[in-house]
C-alpha atoms as a PDB file:
ATOM      1  CA  UNK A   1     -87.191-237.948 170.341  1.00  0.00           C
ATOM      2  CA  UNK A   2     -89.231-236.855 172.097  1.00  0.00           C
ATOM      3  CA  UNK A   3     -90.891-234.279 169.868  1.00  0.00           C
ATOM      4  CA  UNK A   4     -90.872-230.671 171.148  1.00  0.00           C
ATOM      5  CA  UNK A   5     -93.862-229.480 173.140  1.00  0.00           C
ATOM      6  CA  UNK A   6     -95.029-226.156 174.537  1.00  0.00           C
ATOM      7  CA  UNK A   7     -94.541-222.761 172.974  1.00  0.00           C
ATOM      8  CA  UNK A   8     -91.856-220.065 173.001  1.00  0.00           C
ATOM      9  CA  UNK A   9     -92.058-216.948 175.151  1.00  0.00           C
ATOM     10  CA  UNK A  10     -94.648-214.561 173.764  1.00  0.00           C
ATOM     11  CA  UNK A  11     -93.606-211.275 175.425  1.00  0.00           C
ATOM     12  CA  UNK A  12     -90.254-209.552 175.802  1.00  0.00           C
ATOM     13  CA  UNK A  13     -90.835-208.857 179.502  1.00  0.00           C
ATOM     14  CA  UNK A  14     -91.536-212.427 180.701  1.00  0.00           C
ATOM     15  CA  UNK A  15     -89.381-213.975 183.419  1.00  0.00           C
ATOM     16  CA  UNK A  16     -86.616-216.308 182.231  1.00  0.00           C
ATOM     17  CA  UNK A  17     -84.923-216.356 178.854  1.00  0.00           C
ATOM     18  CA  UNK A  18     -87.008-213.911 176.839  1.00  0.00           C
ATOM     19  CA  UNK A  19     -84.822-213.680 173.734  1.00  0.00           C
ATOM     20  CA  UNK A  20     -81.434-214.469 172.281  1.00  0.00           C
ATOM     21  CA  UNK A  21     -79.351-211.588 170.901  1.00  0.00           C
ATOM     22  CA  UNK A  22     -76.886-211.767 168.014  1.00  0.00           C
ATOM     23  CA  UNK A  23     -74.300-209.220 166.842  1.00  0.00           C
ATOM     24  CA  UNK A  24     -74.838-207.709 163.404  1.00  0.00           C
ATOM     25  CA  UNK A  25     -72.116-206.110 161.294  1.00  0.00           C
ATOM     26  CA  UNK A  26     -74.778-204.297 159.207  1.00  0.00           C
ATOM     27  CA  UNK A  27     -78.057-204.069 161.087  1.00  0.00           C
ATOM     28  CA  UNK A  28     -79.790-202.100 158.331  1.00  0.00           C
ATOM     29  CA  UNK A  29     -78.982-204.696 155.656  1.00  0.00           C
ATOM     30  CA  UNK A  30     -79.955-207.562 157.977  1.00  0.00           C
ATOM     31  CA  UNK A  31     -83.258-205.844 158.826  1.00  0.00           C
ATOM     32  CA  UNK A  32     -84.027-205.282 155.136  1.00  0.00           C
ATOM     33  CA  UNK A  33     -83.189-208.889 154.234  1.00  0.00           C
ATOM     34  CA  UNK A  34     -85.318-210.373 157.029  1.00  0.00           C
ATOM     35  CA  UNK A  35     -88.205-208.078 156.122  1.00  0.00           C
ATOM     36  CA  UNK A  36     -87.938-209.012 152.424  1.00  0.00           C
ATOM     37  CA  UNK A  37     -87.998-212.698 153.412  1.00  0.00           C
ATOM     38  CA  UNK A  38     -91.302-212.192 155.256  1.00  0.00           C
ATOM     39  CA  UNK A  39     -89.885-212.672 158.758  1.00  0.00           C
ATOM     40  CA  UNK A  40     -92.101-211.350 161.578  1.00  0.00           C
ATOM     41  CA  UNK A  41     -90.198-208.245 162.690  1.00  0.00           C
ATOM     42  CA  UNK A  42     -91.401-206.580 165.886  1.00  0.00           C
ATOM     43  CA  UNK A  43     -89.847-203.132 165.323  1.00  0.00           C
ATOM     44  CA  UNK A  44     -87.607-201.043 163.164  1.00  0.00           C
ATOM     45  CA  UNK A  45     -84.005-200.778 164.424  1.00  0.00           C
ATOM     46  CA  UNK A  46     -84.103-198.621 167.550  1.00  0.00           C
ATOM     47  CA  UNK A  47     -81.155-196.549 168.788  1.00  0.00           C
ATOM     48  CA  UNK A  48     -79.872-197.508 172.243  1.00  0.00           C
ATOM     49  CA  UNK A  49     -77.607-195.175 174.204  1.00  0.00           C
ATOM     50  CA  UNK A  50     -75.397-196.524 176.979  1.00  0.00           C
ATOM     51  CA  UNK A  51     -74.008-194.831 180.102  1.00  0.00           C
ATOM     52  CA  UNK A  52     -70.442-194.973 178.749  1.00  0.00           C
ATOM     53  CA  UNK A  53     -71.415-192.810 175.754  1.00  0.00           C
ATOM     54  CA  UNK A  54     -71.522-195.639 173.208  1.00  0.00           C
ATOM     55  CA  UNK A  55     -74.629-196.481 171.222  1.00  0.00           C
ATOM     56  CA  UNK A  56     -76.128-199.227 169.093  1.00  0.00           C
ATOM     57  CA  UNK A  57     -79.186-200.061 167.040  1.00  0.00           C
ATOM     58  CA  UNK A  58     -81.271-203.154 167.811  1.00  0.00           C
ATOM     59  CA  UNK A  59     -84.498-204.839 166.756  1.00  0.00           C
ATOM     60  CA  UNK A  60     -86.379-208.015 167.660  1.00  0.00           C
ATOM     61  CA  UNK A  61     -88.001-210.586 165.407  1.00  0.00           C
ATOM     62  CA  UNK A  62     -89.344-214.147 165.557  1.00  0.00           C
ATOM     63  CA  UNK A  63     -87.737-217.261 164.105  1.00  0.00           C
ATOM     64  CA  UNK A  64     -89.915-219.835 162.259  1.00  0.00           C
ATOM     65  CA  UNK A  65     -90.795-221.505 165.602  1.00  0.00           C
ATOM     66  CA  UNK A  66     -91.894-218.183 167.112  1.00  0.00           C
ATOM     67  CA  UNK A  67     -88.834-217.758 169.346  1.00  0.00           C
ATOM     68  CA  UNK A  68     -87.902-214.136 169.995  1.00  0.00           C
ATOM     69  CA  UNK A  69     -84.512-213.148 168.598  1.00  0.00           C
ATOM     70  CA  UNK A  70     -82.672-209.829 168.594  1.00  0.00           C
ATOM     71  CA  UNK A  71     -79.982-208.292 166.417  1.00  0.00           C
ATOM     72  CA  UNK A  72     -77.736-205.509 167.724  1.00  0.00           C
ATOM     73  CA  UNK A  73     -75.240-203.454 165.768  1.00  0.00           C
ATOM     74  CA  UNK A  74     -72.867-201.100 167.545  1.00  0.00           C
ATOM     75  CA  UNK A  75     -72.042-197.707 166.072  1.00  0.00           C
ATOM     76  CA  UNK A  76     -68.429-196.721 165.451  1.00  0.00           C
END
């Protein structure tokens, strides 16, 4: 109580908390599992390159309430 009201952020570029990011040990397996479960996935894992020379793969998806979530998996 009280029951939730309103709606989650709809776009990744909105002001405020746009999404919550979680670390993945196997981003490809997690992506495949979420996709197989019918989760709304917004992109395939995309490679990110950082200034320090490291890189990662990440993708965003929506939870059952429509909240934007992200998984990131760093490369060795």
